[in-house]
Amino acid sequence: SPRRQKTTYQPFNKEKFVNANFRFVVKASSDYQIYL
């Protein structure tokens, strides 16, 4: 029988929260294709 995968605890990542819930005015001199 397939083993039940254990749910690992993932700590709260503040940088991911900021990246997901805010908007950003960035410099025009950089390349953002990978972020798009």
PDB file of all heavy atoms in Angstrom:
ATOM      1  N   SER A   1       0.846  -1.193   0.000  1.00  0.00           N
ATOM      2  CA  SER A   1       0.000   0.000   0.000  1.00  0.00           C
ATOM      3  C   SER A   1       0.877   1.238   0.000  1.00  0.00           C
ATOM      4  O   SER A   1       1.938   1.260   0.635  1.00  0.00           O
ATOM      5  CB  SER A   1      -0.891   0.011   1.241  1.00  0.00           C
ATOM      6  OG  SER A   1      -0.098  -0.039   2.411  1.00  0.00           O
ATOM      7  N   PRO A   2       0.476   2.258  -0.713  1.00  0.00           N
ATOM      8  CA  PRO A   2       1.311   3.471  -0.767  1.00  0.00           C
ATOM      9  C   PRO A   2       1.424   4.105   0.608  1.00  0.00           C
ATOM     10  O   PRO A   2       0.452   4.209   1.349  1.00  0.00           O
ATOM     11  CB  PRO A   2       0.539   4.377  -1.744  1.00  0.00           C
ATOM     12  CG  PRO A   2      -0.862   3.870  -1.714  1.00  0.00           C
ATOM     13  CD  PRO A   2      -0.764   2.391  -1.473  1.00  0.00           C
ATOM     14  N   ARG A   3       2.615   4.493   0.918  1.00  0.00           N
ATOM     15  CA  ARG A   3       2.847   5.120   2.210  1.00  0.00           C
ATOM     16  C   ARG A   3       2.280   6.533   2.225  1.00  0.00           C
ATOM     17  O   ARG A   3       2.349   7.264   1.236  1.00  0.00           O
ATOM     18  CB  ARG A   3       4.340   5.177   2.509  1.00  0.00           C
ATOM     19  CG  ARG A   3       4.976   3.805   2.704  1.00  0.00           C
ATOM     20  CD  ARG A   3       6.437   3.956   3.082  1.00  0.00           C
ATOM     21  NE  ARG A   3       7.063   2.663   3.319  1.00  0.00           N
ATOM     22  CZ  ARG A   3       8.354   2.524   3.647  1.00  0.00           C
ATOM     23  NH1 ARG A   3       9.118   3.600   3.791  1.00  0.00           N
ATOM     24  NH2 ARG A   3       8.844   1.320   3.846  1.00  0.00           N
ATOM     25  N   ARG A   4       1.701   6.847   3.332  1.00  0.00           N
ATOM     26  CA  ARG A   4       1.162   8.193   3.493  1.00  0.00           C
ATOM     27  C   ARG A   4       2.312   9.169   3.703  1.00  0.00           C
ATOM     28  O   ARG A   4       3.139   8.999   4.584  1.00  0.00           O
ATOM     29  CB  ARG A   4       0.215   8.244   4.682  1.00  0.00           C
ATOM     30  CG  ARG A   4      -0.425   9.606   4.912  1.00  0.00           C
ATOM     31  CD  ARG A   4      -1.379   9.561   6.081  1.00  0.00           C
ATOM     32  NE  ARG A   4      -2.465   8.638   5.837  1.00  0.00           N
ATOM     33  CZ  ARG A   4      -3.426   8.387   6.718  1.00  0.00           C
ATOM     34  NH1 ARG A   4      -3.402   8.969   7.906  1.00  0.00           N
ATOM     35  NH2 ARG A   4      -4.388   7.541   6.428  1.00  0.00           N
ATOM     36  N   GLN A   5       2.325  10.174   2.871  1.00  0.00           N
ATOM     37  CA  GLN A   5       3.401  11.138   2.964  1.00  0.00           C
ATOM     38  C   GLN A   5       3.222  11.997   4.205  1.00  0.00           C
ATOM     39  O   GLN A   5       2.131  12.495   4.480  1.00  0.00           O
ATOM     40  CB  GLN A   5       3.433  12.028   1.718  1.00  0.00           C
ATOM     41  CG  GLN A   5       3.737  11.260   0.440  1.00  0.00           C
ATOM     42  CD  GLN A   5       3.786  12.179  -0.756  1.00  0.00           C
ATOM     43  OE1 GLN A   5       3.481  13.365  -0.655  1.00  0.00           O
ATOM     44  NE2 GLN A   5       4.172  11.646  -1.900  1.00  0.00           N
ATOM     45  N   LYS A   6       4.287  12.141   4.944  1.00  0.00           N
ATOM     46  CA  LYS A   6       4.236  12.944   6.137  1.00  0.00           C
ATOM     47  C   LYS A   6       4.292  14.417   5.773  1.00  0.00           C
ATOM     48  O   LYS A   6       5.084  14.837   4.940  1.00  0.00           O
ATOM     49  CB  LYS A   6       5.410  12.595   7.057  1.00  0.00           C
ATOM     50  CG  LYS A   6       5.369  11.169   7.585  1.00  0.00           C
ATOM     51  CD  LYS A   6       6.530  10.921   8.535  1.00  0.00           C
ATOM     52  CE  LYS A   6       6.484   9.504   9.089  1.00  0.00           C
ATOM     53  NZ  LYS A   6       7.616   9.243  10.013  1.00  0.00           N
ATOM     54  N   THR A   7       3.404  15.169   6.356  1.00  0.00           N
ATOM     55  CA  THR A   7       3.375  16.606   6.124  1.00  0.00           C
ATOM     56  C   THR A   7       4.459  17.255   6.971  1.00  0.00           C
ATOM     57  O   THR A   7       4.407  17.246   8.191  1.00  0.00           O
ATOM     58  CB  THR A   7       2.009  17.180   6.491  1.00  0.00           C
ATOM     59  OG1 THR A   7       1.731  16.861   7.856  1.00  0.00           O
ATOM     60  CG2 THR A   7       0.925  16.585   5.612  1.00  0.00           C
ATOM     61  N   THR A   8       5.452  17.760   6.305  1.00  0.00           N
ATOM     62  CA  THR A   8       6.557  18.397   7.011  1.00  0.00           C
ATOM     63  C   THR A   8       6.189  19.824   7.362  1.00  0.00           C
ATOM     64  O   THR A   8       5.491  20.511   6.605  1.00  0.00           O
ATOM     65  CB  THR A   8       7.817  18.384   6.127  1.00  0.00           C
ATOM     66  OG1 THR A   8       7.519  19.049   4.886  1.00  0.00           O
ATOM     67  CG2 THR A   8       8.257  16.956   5.849  1.00  0.00           C
ATOM     68  N   TYR A   9       6.637  20.245   8.505  1.00  0.00           N
ATOM     69  CA  TYR A   9       6.364  21.600   8.966  1.00  0.00           C
ATOM     70  C   TYR A   9       7.225  22.588   8.184  1.00  0.00           C
ATOM     71  O   TYR A   9       8.438  22.424   8.054  1.00  0.00           O
ATOM     72  CB  TYR A   9       6.648  21.721  10.460  1.00  0.00           C
ATOM     73  CG  TYR A   9       6.601  23.137  10.966  1.00  0.00           C
ATOM     74  CD1 TYR A   9       5.396  23.802  11.120  1.00  0.00           C
ATOM     75  CD2 TYR A   9       7.777  23.814  11.278  1.00  0.00           C
ATOM     76  CE1 TYR A   9       5.355  25.098  11.591  1.00  0.00           C
ATOM     77  CE2 TYR A   9       7.745  25.113  11.751  1.00  0.00           C
ATOM     78  CZ  TYR A   9       6.532  25.745  11.904  1.00  0.00           C
ATOM     79  OH  TYR A   9       6.486  27.040  12.359  1.00  0.00           O
ATOM     80  N   GLN A  10       6.581  23.588   7.640  1.00  0.00           N
ATOM     81  CA  GLN A  10       7.282  24.621   6.900  1.00  0.00           C
ATOM     82  C   GLN A  10       7.168  25.927   7.673  1.00  0.00           C
ATOM     83  O   GLN A  10       6.065  26.443   7.857  1.00  0.00           O
ATOM     84  CB  GLN A  10       6.708  24.785   5.486  1.00  0.00           C
ATOM     85  CG  GLN A  10       6.881  23.559   4.611  1.00  0.00           C
ATOM     86  CD  GLN A  10       6.337  23.766   3.218  1.00  0.00           C
ATOM     87  OE1 GLN A  10       5.748  24.800   2.922  1.00  0.00           O
ATOM     88  NE2 GLN A  10       6.527  22.789   2.357  1.00  0.00           N
ATOM     89  N   PRO A  11       8.273  26.453   8.137  1.00  0.00           N
ATOM     90  CA  PRO A  11       8.198  27.701   8.904  1.00  0.00           C
ATOM     91  C   PRO A  11       7.753  28.861   8.029  1.00  0.00           C
ATOM     92  O   PRO A  11       7.892  28.844   6.806  1.00  0.00           O
ATOM     93  CB  PRO A  11       9.634  27.884   9.408  1.00  0.00           C
ATOM     94  CG  PRO A  11      10.472  27.129   8.432  1.00  0.00           C
ATOM     95  CD  PRO A  11       9.640  25.953   7.990  1.00  0.00           C
ATOM     96  N   PHE A  12       7.214  29.862   8.676  1.00  0.00           N
ATOM     97  CA  PHE A  12       6.738  31.039   7.966  1.00  0.00           C
ATOM     98  C   PHE A  12       7.913  31.799   7.378  1.00  0.00           C
ATOM     99  O   PHE A  12       8.867  32.145   8.083  1.00  0.00           O
ATOM    100  CB  PHE A  12       5.943  31.922   8.927  1.00  0.00           C
ATOM    101  CG  PHE A  12       5.452  33.205   8.314  1.00  0.00           C
ATOM    102  CD1 PHE A  12       4.407  33.190   7.417  1.00  0.00           C
ATOM    103  CD2 PHE A  12       6.046  34.409   8.633  1.00  0.00           C
ATOM    104  CE1 PHE A  12       3.946  34.363   6.855  1.00  0.00           C
ATOM    105  CE2 PHE A  12       5.607  35.582   8.077  1.00  0.00           C
ATOM    106  CZ  PHE A  12       4.543  35.565   7.181  1.00  0.00           C
ATOM    107  N   ASN A  13       7.847  32.051   6.081  1.00  0.00           N
ATOM    108  CA  ASN A  13       8.911  32.755   5.375  1.00  0.00           C
ATOM    109  C   ASN A  13       8.432  34.182   5.112  1.00  0.00           C
ATOM    110  O   ASN A  13       7.498  34.415   4.352  1.00  0.00           O
ATOM    111  CB  ASN A  13       9.242  32.044   4.059  1.00  0.00           C
ATOM    112  CG  ASN A  13      10.523  32.570   3.439  1.00  0.00           C
ATOM    113  OD1 ASN A  13      10.833  33.758   3.519  1.00  0.00           O
ATOM    114  ND2 ASN A  13      11.289  31.682   2.814  1.00  0.00           N
ATOM    115  N   LYS A  14       9.073  35.147   5.754  1.00  0.00           N
ATOM    116  CA  LYS A  14       8.650  36.547   5.636  1.00  0.00           C
ATOM    117  C   LYS A  14       8.910  37.092   4.245  1.00  0.00           C
ATOM    118  O   LYS A  14       8.121  37.883   3.729  1.00  0.00           O
ATOM    119  CB  LYS A  14       9.366  37.389   6.701  1.00  0.00           C
ATOM    120  CG  LYS A  14       9.123  36.911   8.126  1.00  0.00           C
ATOM    121  CD  LYS A  14       9.870  37.789   9.113  1.00  0.00           C
ATOM    122  CE  LYS A  14       9.676  37.291  10.539  1.00  0.00           C
ATOM    123  NZ  LYS A  14      10.265  35.941  10.747  1.00  0.00           N
ATOM    124  N   GLU A  15      10.021  36.685   3.631  1.00  0.00           N
ATOM    125  CA  GLU A  15      10.331  37.180   2.289  1.00  0.00           C
ATOM    126  C   GLU A  15       9.287  36.701   1.278  1.00  0.00           C
ATOM    127  O   GLU A  15       8.886  37.457   0.385  1.00  0.00           O
ATOM    128  CB  GLU A  15      11.725  36.727   1.876  1.00  0.00           C
ATOM    129  CG  GLU A  15      12.842  37.366   2.693  1.00  0.00           C
ATOM    130  CD  GLU A  15      14.207  36.993   2.173  1.00  0.00           C
ATOM    131  OE1 GLU A  15      14.262  36.208   1.202  1.00  0.00           O
ATOM    132  OE2 GLU A  15      15.204  37.484   2.715  1.00  0.00           O
ATOM    133  N   LYS A  16       8.819  35.448   1.413  1.00  0.00           N
ATOM    134  CA  LYS A  16       7.776  34.953   0.518  1.00  0.00           C
ATOM    135  C   LYS A  16       6.459  35.690   0.741  1.00  0.00           C
ATOM    136  O   LYS A  16       5.713  35.941  -0.211  1.00  0.00           O
ATOM    137  CB  LYS A  16       7.587  33.455   0.722  1.00  0.00           C
ATOM    138  CG  LYS A  16       8.727  32.606   0.178  1.00  0.00           C
ATOM    139  CD  LYS A  16       8.413  31.122   0.310  1.00  0.00           C
ATOM    140  CE  LYS A  16       9.528  30.280  -0.287  1.00  0.00           C
ATOM    141  NZ  LYS A  16       9.238  28.822  -0.181  1.00  0.00           N
ATOM    142  N   PHE A  17       6.168  36.019   1.991  1.00  0.00           N
ATOM    143  CA  PHE A  17       4.942  36.769   2.266  1.00  0.00           C
ATOM    144  C   PHE A  17       4.994  38.146   1.620  1.00  0.00           C
ATOM    145  O   PHE A  17       4.009  38.599   1.011  1.00  0.00           O
ATOM    146  CB  PHE A  17       4.751  36.891   3.779  1.00  0.00           C
ATOM    147  CG  PHE A  17       3.579  37.748   4.169  1.00  0.00           C
ATOM    148  CD1 PHE A  17       2.302  37.215   4.175  1.00  0.00           C
ATOM    149  CD2 PHE A  17       3.763  39.070   4.524  1.00  0.00           C
ATOM    150  CE1 PHE A  17       1.215  38.001   4.522  1.00  0.00           C
ATOM    151  CE2 PHE A  17       2.680  39.861   4.877  1.00  0.00           C
ATOM    152  CZ  PHE A  17       1.406  39.323   4.885  1.00  0.00           C
ATOM    153  N   VAL A  18       6.116  38.834   1.752  1.00  0.00           N
ATOM    154  CA  VAL A  18       6.258  40.153   1.138  1.00  0.00           C
ATOM    155  C   VAL A  18       6.182  40.032  -0.381  1.00  0.00           C
ATOM    156  O   VAL A  18       5.535  40.848  -1.063  1.00  0.00           O
ATOM    157  CB  VAL A  18       7.584  40.805   1.580  1.00  0.00           C
ATOM    158  CG1 VAL A  18       7.835  42.098   0.819  1.00  0.00           C
ATOM    159  CG2 VAL A  18       7.557  41.072   3.080  1.00  0.00           C
ATOM    160  N   ASN A  19       6.818  39.013  -0.942  1.00  0.00           N
ATOM    161  CA  ASN A  19       6.810  38.818  -2.394  1.00  0.00           C
ATOM    162  C   ASN A  19       5.416  38.514  -2.925  1.00  0.00           C
ATOM    163  O   ASN A  19       5.092  38.864  -4.068  1.00  0.00           O
ATOM    164  CB  ASN A  19       7.766  37.686  -2.752  1.00  0.00           C
ATOM    165  CG  ASN A  19       7.850  37.424  -4.236  1.00  0.00           C
ATOM    166  OD1 ASN A  19       8.457  38.184  -4.985  1.00  0.00           O
ATOM    167  ND2 ASN A  19       7.233  36.342  -4.687  1.00  0.00           N
ATOM    168  N   ALA A  20       4.567  37.870  -2.112  1.00  0.00           N
ATOM    169  CA  ALA A  20       3.260  37.433  -2.591  1.00  0.00           C
ATOM    170  C   ALA A  20       2.173  38.478  -2.404  1.00  0.00           C
ATOM    171  O   ALA A  20       1.207  38.493  -3.177  1.00  0.00           O
ATOM    172  CB  ALA A  20       2.849  36.144  -1.873  1.00  0.00           C
ATOM    173  N   ASN A  21       2.280  39.348  -1.421  1.00  0.00           N
ATOM    174  CA  ASN A  21       1.164  40.215  -1.073  1.00  0.00           C
ATOM    175  C   ASN A  21       1.405  41.697  -1.342  1.00  0.00           C
ATOM    176  O   ASN A  21       0.495  42.499  -1.139  1.00  0.00           O
ATOM    177  CB  ASN A  21       0.820  40.035   0.415  1.00  0.00           C
ATOM    178  CG  ASN A  21       0.267  38.669   0.720  1.00  0.00           C
ATOM    179  OD1 ASN A  21      -0.909  38.401   0.544  1.00  0.00           O
ATOM    180  ND2 ASN A  21       1.143  37.776   1.181  1.00  0.00           N
ATOM    181  N   PHE A  22       2.586  42.079  -1.794  1.00  0.00           N
ATOM    182  CA  PHE A  22       2.865  43.482  -2.081  1.00  0.00           C
ATOM    183  C   PHE A  22       3.197  43.647  -3.558  1.00  0.00           C
ATOM    184  O   PHE A  22       3.473  42.678  -4.259  1.00  0.00           O
ATOM    185  CB  PHE A  22       4.029  44.004  -1.217  1.00  0.00           C
ATOM    186  CG  PHE A  22       3.729  44.002   0.255  1.00  0.00           C
ATOM    187  CD1 PHE A  22       4.749  43.860   1.181  1.00  0.00           C
ATOM    188  CD2 PHE A  22       2.438  44.127   0.719  1.00  0.00           C
ATOM    189  CE1 PHE A  22       4.478  43.852   2.539  1.00  0.00           C
ATOM    190  CE2 PHE A  22       2.153  44.114   2.075  1.00  0.00           C
ATOM    191  CZ  PHE A  22       3.178  43.982   2.981  1.00  0.00           C
ATOM    192  N   ARG A  23       3.190  44.893  -4.004  1.00  0.00           N
ATOM    193  CA  ARG A  23       3.608  45.243  -5.362  1.00  0.00           C
ATOM    194  C   ARG A  23       4.882  46.077  -5.273  1.00  0.00           C
ATOM    195  O   ARG A  23       5.137  46.716  -4.256  1.00  0.00           O
ATOM    196  CB  ARG A  23       2.493  45.992  -6.089  1.00  0.00           C
ATOM    197  CG  ARG A  23       1.255  45.134  -6.307  1.00  0.00           C
ATOM    198  CD  ARG A  23       0.179  45.881  -7.079  1.00  0.00           C
ATOM    199  NE  ARG A  23      -0.911  44.995  -7.437  1.00  0.00           N
ATOM    200  CZ  ARG A  23      -1.974  44.759  -6.685  1.00  0.00           C
ATOM    201  NH1 ARG A  23      -2.088  45.366  -5.512  1.00  0.00           N
ATOM    202  NH2 ARG A  23      -2.910  43.934  -7.072  1.00  0.00           N
ATOM    203  N   PHE A  24       5.638  46.106  -6.392  1.00  0.00           N
ATOM    204  CA  PHE A  24       6.983  46.672  -6.320  1.00  0.00           C
ATOM    205  C   PHE A  24       7.228  47.593  -7.510  1.00  0.00           C
ATOM    206  O   PHE A  24       6.947  47.240  -8.662  1.00  0.00           O
ATOM    207  CB  PHE A  24       8.037  45.559  -6.312  1.00  0.00           C
ATOM    208  CG  PHE A  24       7.802  44.522  -5.247  1.00  0.00           C
ATOM    209  CD1 PHE A  24       7.157  43.336  -5.551  1.00  0.00           C
ATOM    210  CD2 PHE A  24       8.215  44.737  -3.947  1.00  0.00           C
ATOM    211  CE1 PHE A  24       6.937  42.375  -4.587  1.00  0.00           C
ATOM    212  CE2 PHE A  24       7.986  43.790  -2.968  1.00  0.00           C
ATOM    213  CZ  PHE A  24       7.350  42.607  -3.288  1.00  0.00           C
ATOM    214  N   VAL A  25       7.770  48.780  -7.199  1.00  0.00           N
ATOM    215  CA  VAL A  25       8.280  49.700  -8.208  1.00  0.00           C
ATOM    216  C   VAL A  25       9.780  49.443  -8.312  1.00  0.00           C
ATOM    217  O   VAL A  25      10.513  49.612  -7.319  1.00  0.00           O
ATOM    218  CB  VAL A  25       7.990  51.162  -7.826  1.00  0.00           C
ATOM    219  CG1 VAL A  25       8.547  52.106  -8.886  1.00  0.00           C
ATOM    220  CG2 VAL A  25       6.496  51.385  -7.658  1.00  0.00           C
ATOM    221  N   VAL A  26      10.236  49.009  -9.473  1.00  0.00           N
ATOM    222  CA  VAL A  26      11.605  48.511  -9.628  1.00  0.00           C
ATOM    223  C   VAL A  26      12.375  49.379 -10.608  1.00  0.00           C
ATOM    224  O   VAL A  26      11.799  50.197 -11.346  1.00  0.00           O
ATOM    225  CB  VAL A  26      11.589  47.044 -10.115  1.00  0.00           C
ATOM    226  CG1 VAL A  26      10.962  46.146  -9.071  1.00  0.00           C
ATOM    227  CG2 VAL A  26      10.832  46.920 -11.442  1.00  0.00           C
ATOM    228  N   LYS A  27      13.680  49.183 -10.594  1.00  0.00           N
ATOM    229  CA  LYS A  27      14.556  49.914 -11.507  1.00  0.00           C
ATOM    230  C   LYS A  27      14.383  49.407 -12.934  1.00  0.00           C
ATOM    231  O   LYS A  27      14.232  48.209 -13.162  1.00  0.00           O
ATOM    232  CB  LYS A  27      16.008  49.752 -11.071  1.00  0.00           C
ATOM    233  CG  LYS A  27      16.310  50.305  -9.682  1.00  0.00           C
ATOM    234  CD  LYS A  27      17.761  50.049  -9.310  1.00  0.00           C
ATOM    235  CE  LYS A  27      18.063  50.570  -7.914  1.00  0.00           C
ATOM    236  NZ  LYS A  27      19.459  50.296  -7.501  1.00  0.00           N
ATOM    237  N   ALA A  28      14.454  50.324 -13.867  1.00  0.00           N
ATOM    238  CA  ALA A  28      14.282  49.946 -15.266  1.00  0.00           C
ATOM    239  C   ALA A  28      15.553  49.395 -15.875  1.00  0.00           C
ATOM    240  O   ALA A  28      15.528  48.880 -17.009  1.00  0.00           O
ATOM    241  CB  ALA A  28      13.817  51.162 -16.076  1.00  0.00           C
ATOM    242  N   SER A  29      16.659  49.464 -15.172  1.00  0.00           N
ATOM    243  CA  SER A  29      17.934  49.020 -15.729  1.00  0.00           C
ATOM    244  C   SER A  29      18.168  47.521 -15.563  1.00  0.00           C
ATOM    245  O   SER A  29      19.173  47.012 -16.043  1.00  0.00           O
ATOM    246  CB  SER A  29      19.080  49.792 -15.060  1.00  0.00           C
ATOM    247  OG  SER A  29      19.027  49.633 -13.646  1.00  0.00           O
ATOM    248  N   SER A  30      17.279  46.801 -14.881  1.00  0.00           N
ATOM    249  CA  SER A  30      17.455  45.370 -14.664  1.00  0.00           C
ATOM    250  C   SER A  30      16.541  44.574 -15.576  1.00  0.00           C
ATOM    251  O   SER A  30      15.584  45.101 -16.156  1.00  0.00           O
ATOM    252  CB  SER A  30      17.172  45.021 -13.195  1.00  0.00           C
ATOM    253  OG  SER A  30      18.027  45.736 -12.319  1.00  0.00           O
ATOM    254  N   ASP A  31      16.820  43.264 -15.673  1.00  0.00           N
ATOM    255  CA  ASP A  31      16.025  42.350 -16.498  1.00  0.00           C
ATOM    256  C   ASP A  31      15.119  41.534 -15.574  1.00  0.00           C
ATOM    257  O   ASP A  31      15.582  40.915 -14.612  1.00  0.00           O
ATOM    258  CB  ASP A  31      16.939  41.422 -17.291  1.00  0.00           C
ATOM    259  CG  ASP A  31      16.157  40.542 -18.260  1.00  0.00           C
ATOM    260  OD1 ASP A  31      14.953  40.831 -18.480  1.00  0.00           O
ATOM    261  OD2 ASP A  31      16.740  39.575 -18.781  1.00  0.00           O
ATOM    262  N   TYR A  32      13.818  41.515 -15.896  1.00  0.00           N
ATOM    263  CA  TYR A  32      12.829  40.857 -15.041  1.00  0.00           C
ATOM    264  C   TYR A  32      12.088  39.740 -15.775  1.00  0.00           C
ATOM    265  O   TYR A  32      10.995  39.360 -15.373  1.00  0.00           O
ATOM    266  CB  TYR A  32      11.818  41.889 -14.523  1.00  0.00           C
ATOM    267  CG  TYR A  32      12.467  43.021 -13.778  1.00  0.00           C
ATOM    268  CD1 TYR A  32      12.730  44.231 -14.418  1.00  0.00           C
ATOM    269  CD2 TYR A  32      12.853  42.883 -12.450  1.00  0.00           C
ATOM    270  CE1 TYR A  32      13.344  45.272 -13.746  1.00  0.00           C
ATOM    271  CE2 TYR A  32      13.468  43.921 -11.771  1.00  0.00           C
ATOM    272  CZ  TYR A  32      13.711  45.112 -12.420  1.00  0.00           C
ATOM    273  OH  TYR A  32      14.322  46.132 -11.746  1.00  0.00           O
ATOM    274  N   GLN A  33      12.669  39.217 -16.824  1.00  0.00           N
ATOM    275  CA  GLN A  33      12.002  38.169 -17.588  1.00  0.00           C
ATOM    276  C   GLN A  33      11.807  36.905 -16.750  1.00  0.00           C
ATOM    277  O   GLN A  33      10.771  36.244 -16.818  1.00  0.00           O
ATOM    278  CB  GLN A  33      12.810  37.849 -18.846  1.00  0.00           C
ATOM    279  CG  GLN A  33      12.125  36.835 -19.763  1.00  0.00           C
ATOM    280  CD  GLN A  33      12.891  36.654 -21.060  1.00  0.00           C
ATOM    281  OE1 GLN A  33      13.927  37.282 -21.253  1.00  0.00           O
ATOM    282  NE2 GLN A  33      12.383  35.812 -21.933  1.00  0.00           N
ATOM    283  N   ILE A  34      12.791  36.566 -15.925  1.00  0.00           N
ATOM    284  CA  ILE A  34      12.678  35.357 -15.127  1.00  0.00           C
ATOM    285  C   ILE A  34      11.585  35.494 -14.076  1.00  0.00           C
ATOM    286  O   ILE A  34      10.901  34.535 -13.726  1.00  0.00           O
ATOM    287  CB  ILE A  34      14.041  35.034 -14.476  1.00  0.00           C
ATOM    288  CG1 ILE A  34      13.980  33.692 -13.751  1.00  0.00           C
ATOM    289  CG2 ILE A  34      14.466  36.141 -13.519  1.00  0.00           C
ATOM    290  CD1 ILE A  34      15.321  33.244 -13.224  1.00  0.00           C
ATOM    291  N   TYR A  35      11.374  36.699 -13.550  1.00  0.00           N
ATOM    292  CA  TYR A  35      10.322  36.912 -12.556  1.00  0.00           C
ATOM    293  C   TYR A  35       8.937  36.910 -13.198  1.00  0.00           C
ATOM    294  O   TYR A  35       7.952  36.569 -12.548  1.00  0.00           O
ATOM    295  CB  TYR A  35      10.552  38.230 -11.828  1.00  0.00           C
ATOM    296  CG  TYR A  35      11.901  38.305 -11.148  1.00  0.00           C
ATOM    297  CD1 TYR A  35      12.916  39.112 -11.663  1.00  0.00           C
ATOM    298  CD2 TYR A  35      12.180  37.555 -10.011  1.00  0.00           C
ATOM    299  CE1 TYR A  35      14.158  39.179 -11.053  1.00  0.00           C
ATOM    300  CE2 TYR A  35      13.423  37.611  -9.396  1.00  0.00           C
ATOM    301  CZ  TYR A  35      14.410  38.421  -9.916  1.00  0.00           C
ATOM    302  OH  TYR A  35      15.643  38.479  -9.319  1.00  0.00           O
ATOM    303  N   LEU A  36       8.876  37.299 -14.464  1.00  0.00           N
ATOM    304  CA  LEU A  36       7.604  37.228 -15.168  1.00  0.00           C
ATOM    305  C   LEU A  36       7.234  35.796 -15.496  1.00  0.00           C
ATOM    306  O   LEU A  36       6.064  35.428 -15.496  1.00  0.00           O
ATOM    307  CB  LEU A  36       7.677  38.063 -16.448  1.00  0.00           C
ATOM    308  CG  LEU A  36       7.838  39.578 -16.265  1.00  0.00           C
ATOM    309  CD1 LEU A  36       8.003  40.258 -17.608  1.00  0.00           C
ATOM    310  CD2 LEU A  36       6.657  40.162 -15.516  1.00  0.00           C
TER     311      LEU A  36
END
